Amino acid sequence: MLGVYKSFVGLILLSLIPTALMSTGLMIPLYIYPGKAWNTLISAKNAYPNVPIIAIINPNSGPGTSQDSTYVTKIAQLIAAGITVIGYDHTSWGARSLSDVKNDIDLYQSFYPNIQGIFFDEMDNVSGEESYYSDLSAYARSKGFNLTVGNPGTNIDSSYLGTEDIFVVYESNGLPDLSQSSTWPTSDPSQLAIMSIKVSSLNTTWVTEACQKVGWLIVTNDKLPNPYDTLPTYLTTLIQTLST
């Protein structure tokens, strides 16, 4: 909510998001082919411009093997609306070769060079793989992608701080117990995100409390096997709550 941030995620985020971070933002996996849902998200951003939005695009479990002109057009529209766009790239819990992950980054740069960052999915969360993720983040930045997000989907060892800009500390069914936030690797909300799926109705009281704990979140009623192939039915209420 307003005033939640004690600090910014460096000058990088300030350059990516047009206004200073004054409210908890929406981080939405947009694993939907560009069309009506993308237009709905753009309209929501236009209606609530004070709410930062990060949209994660995923053409084909990553960048795919060729450029899609529809993606090119719609990415430009997202960015023009003030939405930060980042590309999905999986790491298989640190088991995927660095060269393969970096190749995806190269393809994003080739096919969709105006995106602003990379979302590293299936991030390892135990001590030992810090250099793997530091290397990937440095490589992404060398290619012009200045925002990196790591998704272990659970709590993470504090030794990973600095390897990514933002960490998803919860990705699962339902809403996490926010009383457990004291165990998260940092108390800086701008570095933390929550991704809650299979939530049938939006608990705005919980969202308001979460805004004191994390800088980014998504809550959706969609569910596995792909909980991000539709927008939340209560998207407008969610963004309204974030804007308060």
Foldseek 3Di string as FASTA:
>chain_A
DAPLFPDALPVLVCVLFVDPLGFFAAEAEQAAQDDDQLVVVLVLCLVQVNHAYEYEYEPDQFLDDAADVSCQVSVVSCVVSRHQYEYEFECQQVPRDLVVRLVSLVSCCVRPVPHAAYEYECHHAEPDCLVVLLVVQVSSVVSRRNAYEYEVQAAHALVNPPSGSAYEHHAEEDDDDCVCLVVHNDQRQARYEYEYELDCDDDLVVLLVVRNRHRYYAYANADPPDSRHHHHPCVSVSSVSRSD
